[in-house]
Amino acid sequence: MVTYGGDEVNALVFDIGTTTTRAGYAGEDTPRAIFPTSFGYLEEPDTDPEQKSNADGDVQMADASDEKSDKRVKKKYYIGDSKVNTWRENMEVRHPLNDGLVNDWDALEQIWNASFRDMLRIDPTEHPLLCTEPAWNTTENREKFVELAFEKFSFPAFYLAKDAVMTAFSVGRATALVLDVGGGIASAVPVYDGYVLKKGILRQPLAGDVLSQQCLDMLRNDINQDVTPQYMITGKKPVDAGAQPQVQKKNRPNTTDSYNDHQVSRVAHEFKESVCQVSEVTFDEGIMGSRPQKPFEFPDGYNNLFGVERYKIPESLFQPHQFLRQTSSGLTQQQIDSCMGMHQLVNSSIGSCDIDLRPLLFNNVVVTGGSTLFPGFNERLNYELPMLAPGSKVKIHAAGNQTERRCSSWLGGSILASLGTFHQLWISKQEYEESGASIVESKCQ
């Protein structure tokens, strides 16, 4: 077997998130591959029923619509930024995660295949793999990860690490309260001495994807503009700010709703990242309205200046009950009622921990995730938290570099897997064959 504890072979680190997936070599400071987690697929008749899967990412699936039929279909997967965003007739776009947990294991297998064989171009049998997981991952899912690593890809060694612990490691802390606000989930996870304190884990679906939907709702209802994604545009003419766009559209037959929604949400995501900002103090419409406006041009040529509305959208992160619109957020009223502001999420999580640990956690609040990159986010958190916890010394740690903030759990995994003392923690293939997938519960805590 390959010597995976020494320097001869670099370990691989794989970190899957709602919006993007990161993969690369341990010991490096940035992932080699960063690509969308969403994937496209086409269903085609399978001419060779014996062929279960191949290197192109085709997977045979039984046709469930007619049990008596012998027809079978295969899925051709399109994974990677350019592949999933290239228009194809009848291509569906799906997501392998729900609530941060993997729920489509066929798709995850194809994502691993694309990551390791196509993007990193390595042989999995020659590298150990460290994979991150959410703190609330289930035992069943953890065992499936181990089976996938050893049965399908034959990695020589494997380790499953909590993403909150890896984020704390990435900023040099073994004890921290990790606030992770990504695309689909916002979570507060207390970490003490490298271990997750399960009773303090809090999560909610109020995150970046909800804000993107709020952007679309604002455009459609407040300024009466529909978003035309890039794939539908053949030409456009320059127009004055606020004027109706003059755009020539392509005829795209058999475009699936899921592909169109994915492309529209990409535009909303870009708008949100370019224009939106968090108020550094409690939101006041008069004060925010007097601040400078920001311009933005959409793919169809429509352009405008955005003022107070660019503060209202991310304000949902701190005052969800006041600023979340149920009609457009994709959340039920019950979910909205149970949502907390980011400062409340942090405070409630710390309040669930032992009283002796609370000062330590307040002094080590680590902020991560792409949805925390709004200008003013850290300042607002620093403003709100001390009011909820008077007398506590609050200190917020957040990487200033965008890549570090988005990839903090990957970076922590890169640091951990490159340590010389880490080799004793790997689950080896031999241990897996002796004990089975359940070994993950004892070795990866």
Protein backbone atom coordinates (compact mmCIF):
# COMPACT_ATOMS: atom_id res chain seq x y z
CA MET A 1 0.00 0.00 0.00
CA VAL A 2 1.10 3.57 -0.65
CA THR A 3 2.84 5.25 2.27
CA TYR A 4 0.27 7.90 3.08
CA GLY A 5 1.69 9.10 6.42
CA GLY A 6 4.87 10.58 4.96
CA ASP A 7 5.66 13.20 2.39
CA GLU A 8 5.77 10.87 -0.60
CA VAL A 9 2.05 11.18 -1.35
CA ASN A 10 -0.12 14.24 -0.85
CA ALA A 11 -3.47 13.64 0.78
CA LEU A 12 -6.55 15.01 -1.01
CA VAL A 13 -9.10 17.30 0.66
CA PHE A 14 -12.71 17.40 -0.56
CA ASP A 15 -15.24 19.93 0.79
CA ILE A 16 -18.78 20.06 -0.62
CA GLY A 17 -21.00 23.09 0.05
CA THR A 18 -24.42 24.23 -1.10
CA THR A 19 -23.10 26.64 -3.72
CA THR A 20 -19.59 25.44 -4.51
CA THR A 21 -17.45 22.35 -4.07
CA ARG A 22 -13.72 22.56 -3.31
CA ALA A 23 -11.09 19.90 -3.97
CA GLY A 24 -7.31 19.94 -3.85
CA TYR A 25 -4.12 18.78 -2.15
CA ALA A 26 -3.41 18.92 1.59
CA GLY A 27 -0.71 21.42 2.49
CA GLU A 28 -1.72 23.94 -0.18
CA ASP A 29 -3.36 27.26 0.67
CA THR A 30 -6.08 27.20 -2.01
CA PRO A 31 -8.11 24.39 -3.59
CA ARG A 32 -7.04 23.29 -7.08
CA ALA A 33 -10.67 22.92 -8.19
CA ILE A 34 -13.63 25.17 -7.20
CA PHE A 35 -16.82 24.48 -9.12
CA PRO A 36 -20.62 24.65 -8.67
CA THR A 37 -22.17 21.87 -6.61
CA SER A 38 -25.24 21.86 -8.87
CA PHE A 39 -24.98 19.46 -11.80
CA GLY A 40 -26.76 18.97 -15.11
CA TYR A 41 -27.92 15.68 -16.52
CA LEU A 42 -29.62 14.27 -19.59
CA GLU A 43 -31.57 11.03 -19.64
CA GLU A 44 -30.92 8.84 -22.67
CA PRO A 45 -32.09 5.33 -23.66
CA ASP A 46 -29.54 2.76 -22.54
CA THR A 47 -28.45 0.64 -25.48
CA ASP A 48 -26.35 -1.64 -23.29
CA PRO A 49 -28.25 -2.71 -20.17
CA GLU A 50 -25.19 -4.54 -18.85
CA GLN A 51 -23.12 -1.36 -18.79
CA LYS A 52 -23.77 0.09 -15.34
CA SER A 53 -21.51 3.12 -15.54
CA ASN A 54 -18.56 4.46 -17.47
CA ALA A 55 -15.89 7.11 -17.33
CA ASP A 56 -18.05 9.76 -19.03
CA GLY A 57 -20.36 9.85 -16.02
CA ASP A 58 -23.22 7.84 -17.52
CA VAL A 59 -25.18 5.89 -14.95
CA GLN A 60 -27.87 3.39 -15.76
CA MET A 61 -31.21 3.92 -14.04
CA ALA A 62 -34.32 1.76 -14.25
CA ASP A 63 -37.34 3.46 -15.81
CA ALA A 64 -39.57 3.77 -12.75
CA SER A 65 -42.57 5.08 -14.68
CA ASP A 66 -43.44 1.63 -16.02
CA GLU A 67 -42.47 -1.33 -13.88
CA LYS A 68 -43.48 -3.85 -16.54
CA SER A 69 -41.32 -2.19 -19.14
CA ASP A 70 -37.80 -3.42 -19.80
CA LYS A 71 -36.78 0.06 -20.93
CA ARG A 72 -33.83 1.54 -19.15
CA VAL A 73 -32.37 5.02 -19.22
CA LYS A 74 -28.91 6.28 -18.41
CA LYS A 75 -28.01 9.66 -16.99
CA LYS A 76 -25.24 11.64 -18.59
CA TYR A 77 -23.86 14.04 -16.00
CA TYR A 78 -22.43 17.50 -16.64
CA ILE A 79 -20.28 18.67 -13.71
CA GLY A 80 -18.19 21.84 -13.59
CA ASP A 81 -18.79 25.53 -14.20
CA SER A 82 -18.70 25.48 -18.00
CA LYS A 83 -20.56 22.17 -18.37
CA VAL A 84 -23.54 22.84 -16.11
CA ASN A 85 -23.99 26.35 -17.52
CA THR A 86 -23.88 25.35 -21.20
CA TRP A 87 -27.40 25.20 -22.61
CA ARG A 88 -28.58 21.79 -23.83
CA GLU A 89 -32.03 20.66 -24.85
CA ASN A 90 -33.90 18.89 -22.04
CA MET A 91 -31.00 19.18 -19.59
CA GLU A 92 -32.17 19.18 -15.98
CA VAL A 93 -30.17 20.92 -13.25
CA ARG A 94 -30.28 19.36 -9.80
CA HIS A 95 -28.54 19.62 -6.44
CA PRO A 96 -27.13 16.67 -4.45
CA LEU A 97 -27.65 18.26 -1.00
CA ASN A 98 -30.67 18.93 1.16
CA ASP A 99 -30.29 20.71 4.52
CA GLY A 100 -26.52 20.42 4.01
CA LEU A 101 -26.72 16.60 3.83
CA VAL A 102 -26.11 14.46 0.75
CA ASN A 103 -29.36 12.96 -0.55
CA ASP A 104 -28.27 11.94 -4.07
CA TRP A 105 -25.41 9.46 -3.77
CA ASP A 106 -25.27 8.63 -7.50
CA ALA A 107 -24.65 12.32 -8.18
CA LEU A 108 -22.02 12.54 -5.42
CA GLU A 109 -20.19 9.59 -6.95
CA GLN A 110 -20.12 11.42 -10.29
CA ILE A 111 -18.95 14.64 -8.58
CA TRP A 112 -16.08 12.72 -6.95
CA ASN A 113 -15.30 11.13 -10.30
CA ALA A 114 -15.18 14.54 -12.02
CA SER A 115 -13.16 16.10 -9.15
CA PHE A 116 -10.46 13.47 -8.83
CA ARG A 117 -10.16 11.97 -12.29
CA ASP A 118 -10.99 14.95 -14.56
CA MET A 119 -10.05 18.08 -12.60
CA LEU A 120 -7.20 16.91 -10.35
CA ARG A 121 -6.26 14.08 -12.73
CA ILE A 122 -5.06 11.71 -10.05
CA ASP A 123 -5.44 8.02 -9.37
CA PRO A 124 -7.58 7.68 -6.17
CA THR A 125 -5.78 4.44 -5.23
CA GLU A 126 -2.58 6.44 -4.65
CA HIS A 127 -3.86 9.21 -2.33
CA PRO A 128 -5.61 9.25 1.05
CA LEU A 129 -8.74 11.42 1.19
CA LEU A 130 -10.00 13.80 3.89
CA CYS A 131 -13.64 14.76 3.38
CA THR A 132 -15.62 17.37 5.35
CA GLU A 133 -19.14 16.87 6.68
CA PRO A 134 -21.70 19.07 8.46
CA ALA A 135 -21.83 18.80 12.25
CA TRP A 136 -25.38 17.36 12.06
CA ASN A 137 -24.53 14.58 9.58
CA THR A 138 -26.30 11.26 10.20
CA THR A 139 -24.62 7.93 11.01
CA GLU A 140 -26.13 6.42 7.85
CA ASN A 141 -24.64 9.17 5.67
CA ARG A 142 -21.24 8.90 7.36
CA GLU A 143 -21.10 5.17 6.64
CA LYS A 144 -22.08 5.80 3.01
CA PHE A 145 -19.15 8.20 2.66
CA VAL A 146 -16.76 5.51 3.89
CA GLU A 147 -18.26 2.89 1.58
CA LEU A 148 -18.00 5.25 -1.39
CA ALA A 149 -14.35 6.02 -0.62
CA PHE A 150 -13.25 2.40 -0.24
CA GLU A 151 -15.67 0.39 -2.41
CA LYS A 152 -16.06 2.65 -5.44
CA PHE A 153 -12.81 4.60 -5.50
CA SER A 154 -10.41 2.35 -3.55
CA PHE A 155 -8.72 5.15 -1.63
CA PRO A 156 -5.92 3.71 0.55
CA ALA A 157 -7.11 5.75 3.55
CA PHE A 158 -9.99 8.02 4.46
CA TYR A 159 -11.03 10.49 7.15
CA LEU A 160 -14.29 12.36 7.73
CA ALA A 161 -13.90 15.71 9.51
CA LYS A 162 -16.51 18.15 10.84
CA ASP A 163 -16.48 21.31 8.73
CA ALA A 164 -16.90 23.59 11.79
CA VAL A 165 -13.81 22.07 13.42
CA MET A 166 -11.87 22.54 10.18
CA THR A 167 -12.96 26.20 10.00
CA ALA A 168 -11.75 26.75 13.58
CA PHE A 169 -8.41 25.11 12.68
CA SER A 170 -8.08 27.34 9.61
CA VAL A 171 -7.89 30.43 11.87
CA GLY A 172 -5.62 28.68 14.37
CA ARG A 173 -8.19 27.91 17.05
CA ALA A 174 -9.22 24.64 18.67
CA THR A 175 -12.09 26.32 20.55
CA ALA A 176 -14.51 28.64 18.75
CA LEU A 177 -18.12 29.37 17.89
CA VAL A 178 -18.31 28.94 14.12
CA LEU A 179 -21.01 30.98 12.34
CA ASP A 180 -21.24 29.60 8.79
CA VAL A 181 -23.63 31.38 6.42
CA GLY A 182 -23.51 29.75 3.00
CA GLY A 183 -25.97 29.32 0.13
CA GLY A 184 -28.54 26.97 1.63
CA ILE A 185 -27.86 26.85 5.37
CA ALA A 186 -26.85 29.21 8.15
CA SER A 187 -25.42 27.39 11.16
CA ALA A 188 -23.85 28.17 14.53
CA VAL A 189 -21.65 25.35 15.84
CA PRO A 190 -19.65 25.51 19.10
CA VAL A 191 -16.28 23.74 18.96
CA TYR A 192 -14.30 22.97 22.13
CA ASP A 193 -10.78 21.61 21.96
CA GLY A 194 -11.35 20.22 18.46
CA TYR A 195 -14.70 18.56 19.21
CA VAL A 196 -18.19 19.74 18.28
CA LEU A 197 -20.54 20.40 21.21
CA LYS A 198 -23.67 18.81 19.77
CA LYS A 199 -26.15 20.40 22.17
CA GLY A 200 -25.17 23.85 20.87
CA ILE A 201 -25.67 23.15 17.13
CA LEU A 202 -28.25 25.47 15.56
CA ARG A 203 -29.10 25.78 11.87
CA GLN A 204 -31.74 27.39 9.68
CA PRO A 205 -32.51 27.70 5.96
CA LEU A 206 -32.16 31.51 5.94
CA ALA A 207 -29.00 31.96 3.86
CA GLY A 208 -27.73 33.13 0.48
CA ASP A 209 -30.26 31.34 -1.75
CA VAL A 210 -33.17 32.97 0.12
CA LEU A 211 -31.57 36.39 -0.38
CA SER A 212 -31.20 35.70 -4.11
CA GLN A 213 -34.94 34.96 -4.26
CA GLN A 214 -35.59 38.21 -2.40
CA CYS A 215 -33.55 40.05 -5.06
CA LEU A 216 -35.70 38.55 -7.83
CA ASP A 217 -38.86 39.45 -5.95
CA MET A 218 -37.69 43.05 -5.54
CA LEU A 219 -36.91 43.33 -9.26
CA ARG A 220 -40.20 41.83 -10.40
CA ASN A 221 -42.58 43.50 -7.96
CA ASP A 222 -40.93 46.78 -6.99
CA ILE A 223 -39.45 47.91 -10.32
CA ASN A 224 -41.37 45.59 -12.67
CA GLN A 225 -38.33 43.98 -14.30
CA ASP A 226 -37.96 40.33 -15.25
CA VAL A 227 -34.46 38.88 -15.37
CA THR A 228 -33.34 37.58 -18.78
CA PRO A 229 -30.43 35.14 -18.34
CA GLN A 230 -27.41 35.24 -20.64
CA TYR A 231 -28.22 32.03 -22.55
CA MET A 232 -31.37 33.63 -24.05
CA ILE A 233 -29.65 36.75 -25.39
CA THR A 234 -28.28 37.22 -28.92
CA GLY A 235 -27.88 40.99 -28.87
CA LYS A 236 -28.74 44.15 -26.96
CA LYS A 237 -28.61 47.91 -27.35
CA PRO A 238 -27.36 50.37 -24.77
CA VAL A 239 -30.21 52.12 -22.91
CA ASP A 240 -30.42 54.91 -20.34
CA ALA A 241 -30.60 54.09 -16.63
CA GLY A 242 -34.07 52.85 -15.72
CA ALA A 243 -35.20 52.50 -19.35
CA GLN A 244 -36.71 49.26 -20.68
CA PRO A 245 -34.05 46.97 -22.18
CA GLN A 246 -33.83 46.54 -25.96
CA VAL A 247 -32.76 42.94 -26.32
CA GLN A 248 -32.88 40.24 -29.01
CA LYS A 249 -33.69 36.83 -27.61
CA LYS A 250 -32.76 33.39 -28.86
CA ASN A 251 -35.32 30.70 -29.41
CA ARG A 252 -34.31 27.92 -27.04
CA PRO A 253 -36.71 24.99 -27.52
CA ASN A 254 -37.08 22.30 -24.84
CA THR A 255 -35.38 24.32 -22.12
CA THR A 256 -36.19 22.77 -18.75
CA ASP A 257 -37.56 24.88 -15.90
CA SER A 258 -34.72 23.73 -13.65
CA TYR A 259 -32.06 24.97 -16.11
CA ASN A 260 -33.81 28.33 -16.57
CA ASP A 261 -34.24 28.78 -12.81
CA HIS A 262 -30.56 27.97 -12.30
CA GLN A 263 -29.51 30.62 -14.84
CA VAL A 264 -31.86 33.26 -13.43
CA SER A 265 -30.58 32.59 -9.91
CA ARG A 266 -26.99 33.07 -11.17
CA VAL A 267 -27.90 36.59 -12.30
CA ALA A 268 -29.61 37.28 -8.95
CA HIS A 269 -26.52 35.95 -7.17
CA GLU A 270 -24.25 38.29 -9.12
CA PHE A 271 -26.56 41.25 -8.44
CA LYS A 272 -26.64 40.42 -4.73
CA GLU A 273 -22.85 40.14 -4.48
CA SER A 274 -22.20 43.32 -6.47
CA VAL A 275 -24.79 45.66 -4.97
CA CYS A 276 -26.05 44.54 -1.55
CA GLN A 277 -24.65 45.78 1.74
CA VAL A 278 -25.47 45.28 5.42
CA SER A 279 -26.23 48.27 7.63
CA GLU A 280 -23.48 48.51 10.27
CA VAL A 281 -26.06 49.52 12.92
CA THR A 282 -29.77 48.73 13.34
CA PHE A 283 -31.49 49.42 10.01
CA ASP A 284 -32.93 52.91 9.56
CA GLU A 285 -34.55 53.56 6.18
CA GLY A 286 -33.92 57.30 6.32
CA ILE A 287 -30.20 56.95 7.01
CA MET A 288 -29.73 54.15 4.44
CA GLY A 289 -31.69 56.10 1.82
CA SER A 290 -29.25 59.00 2.11
CA ARG A 291 -26.23 56.83 1.33
CA PRO A 292 -24.72 56.64 -2.18
CA GLN A 293 -26.53 54.45 -4.70
CA LYS A 294 -24.81 51.64 -6.59
CA PRO A 295 -25.19 50.94 -10.33
CA PHE A 296 -25.73 47.50 -11.82
CA GLU A 297 -26.32 46.34 -15.41
CA PHE A 298 -28.17 43.09 -16.11
CA PRO A 299 -27.31 40.75 -19.01
CA ASP A 300 -30.18 42.15 -21.13
CA GLY A 301 -28.81 45.71 -20.84
CA TYR A 302 -31.24 47.01 -18.23
CA ASN A 303 -29.32 49.17 -15.77
CA ASN A 304 -30.24 51.26 -12.78
CA LEU A 305 -29.03 52.77 -9.55
CA PHE A 306 -30.02 50.93 -6.37
CA GLY A 307 -30.30 52.72 -3.05
CA VAL A 308 -32.16 51.69 0.09
CA GLU A 309 -33.31 48.35 -1.41
CA ARG A 310 -29.72 47.13 -1.51
CA TYR A 311 -29.69 47.34 2.31
CA LYS A 312 -33.16 45.86 2.79
CA ILE A 313 -32.36 42.49 1.16
CA PRO A 314 -29.45 41.40 3.43
CA GLU A 315 -31.23 42.95 6.43
CA SER A 316 -33.26 39.70 6.41
CA LEU A 317 -30.18 38.05 7.94
CA PHE A 318 -30.56 40.18 11.07
CA GLN A 319 -34.30 40.95 11.17
CA PRO A 320 -35.94 38.00 9.37
CA HIS A 321 -39.45 38.52 10.76
CA GLN A 322 -39.56 42.10 9.53
CA PHE A 323 -37.78 41.82 6.17
CA LEU A 324 -38.43 38.30 4.84
CA ARG A 325 -41.18 38.07 2.25
CA GLN A 326 -42.88 34.69 2.44
CA THR A 327 -44.12 34.84 -1.17
CA SER A 328 -40.62 34.92 -2.62
CA SER A 329 -38.30 33.47 -0.01
CA GLY A 330 -39.19 29.83 -0.73
CA LEU A 331 -39.72 29.35 3.02
CA THR A 332 -42.98 28.50 4.75
CA GLN A 333 -44.41 30.88 7.32
CA GLN A 334 -43.51 28.35 10.00
CA GLN A 335 -39.86 28.37 8.86
CA ILE A 336 -39.80 32.18 8.83
CA ASP A 337 -41.29 32.29 12.34
CA SER A 338 -38.54 29.97 13.61
CA CYS A 339 -35.70 31.91 11.94
CA MET A 340 -33.35 34.00 14.06
CA GLY A 341 -31.06 36.87 13.22
CA MET A 342 -27.40 35.93 12.87
CA HIS A 343 -26.54 37.56 16.22
CA GLN A 344 -29.40 35.68 17.90
CA LEU A 345 -28.21 32.41 16.34
CA VAL A 346 -24.73 32.91 17.79
CA ASN A 347 -26.07 33.97 21.20
CA SER A 348 -28.52 31.04 21.44
CA SER A 349 -25.85 28.53 20.43
CA ILE A 350 -23.41 29.81 23.05
CA GLY A 351 -26.22 29.95 25.62
CA SER A 352 -26.82 26.21 25.09
CA CYS A 353 -23.26 25.42 26.21
CA ASP A 354 -21.89 25.12 29.74
CA ILE A 355 -21.66 28.44 31.53
CA ASP A 356 -17.89 28.06 32.03
CA LEU A 357 -17.31 27.87 28.27
CA ARG A 358 -19.41 30.86 27.26
CA PRO A 359 -16.77 33.60 27.78
CA LEU A 360 -14.29 31.55 25.75
CA LEU A 361 -16.77 31.11 22.88
CA PHE A 362 -17.83 34.78 22.84
CA ASN A 363 -14.15 35.67 22.57
CA ASN A 364 -13.70 33.33 19.58
CA VAL A 365 -16.60 33.85 17.17
CA VAL A 366 -15.37 32.71 13.75
CA VAL A 367 -17.35 33.96 10.73
CA THR A 368 -17.25 31.98 7.49
CA GLY A 369 -19.26 31.32 4.32
CA GLY A 370 -19.87 33.32 1.14
CA SER A 371 -22.98 35.04 2.52
CA THR A 372 -20.91 36.74 5.24
CA LEU A 373 -18.94 38.67 2.62
CA PHE A 374 -21.49 41.52 2.42
CA PRO A 375 -19.76 44.78 3.37
CA GLY A 376 -20.83 45.67 6.90
CA PHE A 377 -21.72 42.09 7.99
CA ASN A 378 -18.96 41.76 10.61
CA GLU A 379 -19.50 45.30 11.90
CA ARG A 380 -23.22 44.63 12.35
CA LEU A 381 -22.55 41.36 14.19
CA ASN A 382 -20.05 43.19 16.41
CA TYR A 383 -22.70 45.86 17.09
CA GLU A 384 -25.59 43.49 17.89
CA LEU A 385 -23.88 40.70 19.86
CA PRO A 386 -22.68 42.74 22.88
CA MET A 387 -26.25 44.02 23.37
CA LEU A 388 -27.48 40.42 23.67
CA ALA A 389 -24.65 39.45 26.01
CA PRO A 390 -23.83 42.47 28.17
CA GLY A 391 -20.65 42.02 30.14
CA SER A 392 -19.22 39.45 27.74
CA LYS A 393 -16.11 40.27 25.76
CA VAL A 394 -17.05 39.62 22.13
CA LYS A 395 -14.31 39.10 19.55
CA ILE A 396 -15.06 38.24 15.93
CA HIS A 397 -12.51 36.50 13.72
CA ALA A 398 -13.08 36.64 9.97
CA ALA A 399 -10.60 36.14 7.15
CA GLY A 400 -10.35 39.30 5.07
CA ASN A 401 -9.51 37.32 1.94
CA GLN A 402 -12.59 36.22 -0.04
CA THR A 403 -11.15 32.83 -0.96
CA GLU A 404 -10.24 32.08 2.64
CA ARG A 405 -13.73 33.03 3.85
CA ARG A 406 -15.42 30.82 1.24
CA CYS A 407 -13.02 27.90 1.62
CA SER A 408 -12.20 27.98 5.34
CA SER A 409 -13.32 24.40 6.05
CA TRP A 410 -11.25 23.19 3.06
CA LEU A 411 -8.24 25.14 4.37
CA GLY A 412 -8.61 23.61 7.83
CA GLY A 413 -8.71 20.16 6.23
CA SER A 414 -5.61 21.04 4.20
CA ILE A 415 -3.75 22.04 7.38
CA LEU A 416 -4.89 18.98 9.34
CA ALA A 417 -4.19 16.36 6.65
CA SER A 418 -0.69 17.73 6.07
CA LEU A 419 0.39 17.37 9.73
CA GLY A 420 2.91 14.59 10.35
CA THR A 421 1.04 13.49 13.48
CA PHE A 422 -2.23 13.05 11.58
CA HIS A 423 -1.30 9.78 9.86
CA GLN A 424 -2.38 7.74 12.90
CA LEU A 425 -5.96 9.04 12.59
CA TRP A 426 -6.63 7.83 9.04
CA ILE A 427 -9.02 4.91 8.53
CA SER A 428 -6.95 2.52 6.41
CA LYS A 429 -8.51 0.25 3.82
CA GLN A 430 -7.37 -2.73 5.90
CA GLU A 431 -9.23 -1.40 8.98
CA TYR A 432 -12.32 -0.86 6.86
CA GLU A 433 -12.19 -4.43 5.54
CA GLU A 434 -11.83 -5.77 9.09
CA SER A 435 -14.46 -3.63 10.84
CA GLY A 436 -16.81 -2.40 8.09
CA ALA A 437 -18.24 1.08 7.58
CA SER A 438 -19.20 1.45 11.26
CA ILE A 439 -15.54 2.16 12.07
CA VAL A 440 -16.18 5.79 11.08
CA GLU A 441 -18.11 6.34 14.33
CA SER A 442 -15.12 5.40 16.51
CA LYS A 443 -12.28 6.91 14.44
CA CYS A 444 -13.90 10.14 13.13
CA GLN A 445 -15.50 11.92 16.07
